[in-house]
Amino acid sequence: MPGTVRLMPTPVRTPPTEAVAAARDYASQVRLALACFGIMLLVVDPAVHPVPQAAAAGLAVLLATGLLHRRGMPDHWLRIEEPFALMAGIFIVTLGPPGIAPLTLLWIVSAATGVVARGGRASATGRIVVVLVLASPMLRNGVGPDSAMVLFAGCGLLLSVGTVSNETHELLRDPLTGALSRAALLAEAERMVARAREEEPVALVLIDLDDFGTLNKREGHQAGDLVLQQAAHAVMTSMRRSDTFGRLGGDEFLVLATGDGGTIAQRALDALASAGVGASAGVASAPSDGSTVPELRRGADVALRASKQAGKNRGTVYSADGDPTAAVPAYADARGDRRR
């Protein structure tokens, strides 16, 4: 039986499911509404904030981050939210009146909805940013009941929202391997395939571990679980940030990535071979092999069966030439040989 191996967690991009995407849309709408309401308050009564120009600048920042959180924005744009949230907090909270004033409360709720709008886990940097801003009135006005009220109210709200977001984030993971769950994986597949273009194809690589059933029978399910963890870890460490990887179930995994399908499959098979795990792969690409996920999965499954029949430990690129069940095996084994 294989010995125990300690696997370091590998960060994997967590795409939003439909439910998370809907929550992100809703949270961004709330943030936009809050920013507009704050601007209206300033217009009606500038005295609502000691430094109205600073408050207006902070509300403008909240308005901008709300727009950035709109559905479909690239993830790298969302990373600028934390420094912008700090800037808005300084303008609104630090320079504002002590206690839970209207605009201070608005910023606290906006910061909490920002966690939801990110579609998942609040980062450590984000938590530090928010706590620093909430504690800043104590540095400016001294320790008092009003400053303490802001700090406790804000931290309590953010903690509750962050806990719910983190739990939602965990639901998107396969508990054994840390890869994406089946539901999250298929949701992301739908999104990526819908955006596939001839000049930027999306490859769907179906991976099945070789002789996994025999291993389970011979050495037990604990050994099988360890192999699944090793396999997932190996593939995840070989991936690009833009790639998506998840577990369909059993010993079947799926890689979604833009680019040449054969190259993507080869990279995954090489990583598995380096970890001592034998596997076969089938590749189908959108839009050339299909425009929907079910079509691509059927093509990849045909190619995967061709890999198994050709001797395993290799990948087959599916090519439908008028017949969706006809596969042209152009396969590569895990050592890098290419044959036709």
Foldseek 3Di string as FASTA:
>chain_A
DDDDDDFDDFDADQDAFPVLLVLLQVLLVLLLVLLVVQVVVCVVPVVLWPDSVLQNVLSVLSNVLSVCLHPPRDLVSLVCNQVSLLSSLCSQQLRGDFACRPSLVSSLSNLLSSCSSNSAADDPSSVVSQLCSLQNNCVVVNDDPRSVNSNVVSVVSNVVSNVVRHVVSCVQADVLARAGEQSSVQSVVQVVLQPADPVKKKKKKKKAFPCLVVCCVPPNVVVSSSLLNLLSSLQSVQDDNQKHKHANDDRIIIIIDIDDRQVSVLSSLLSCVVSVTFMEMFMDIPPQQHSGPVSRVQQRVLQRVVCVVVPGQKGFYAHDDPHSNDGDGQMAHNVGDTDD
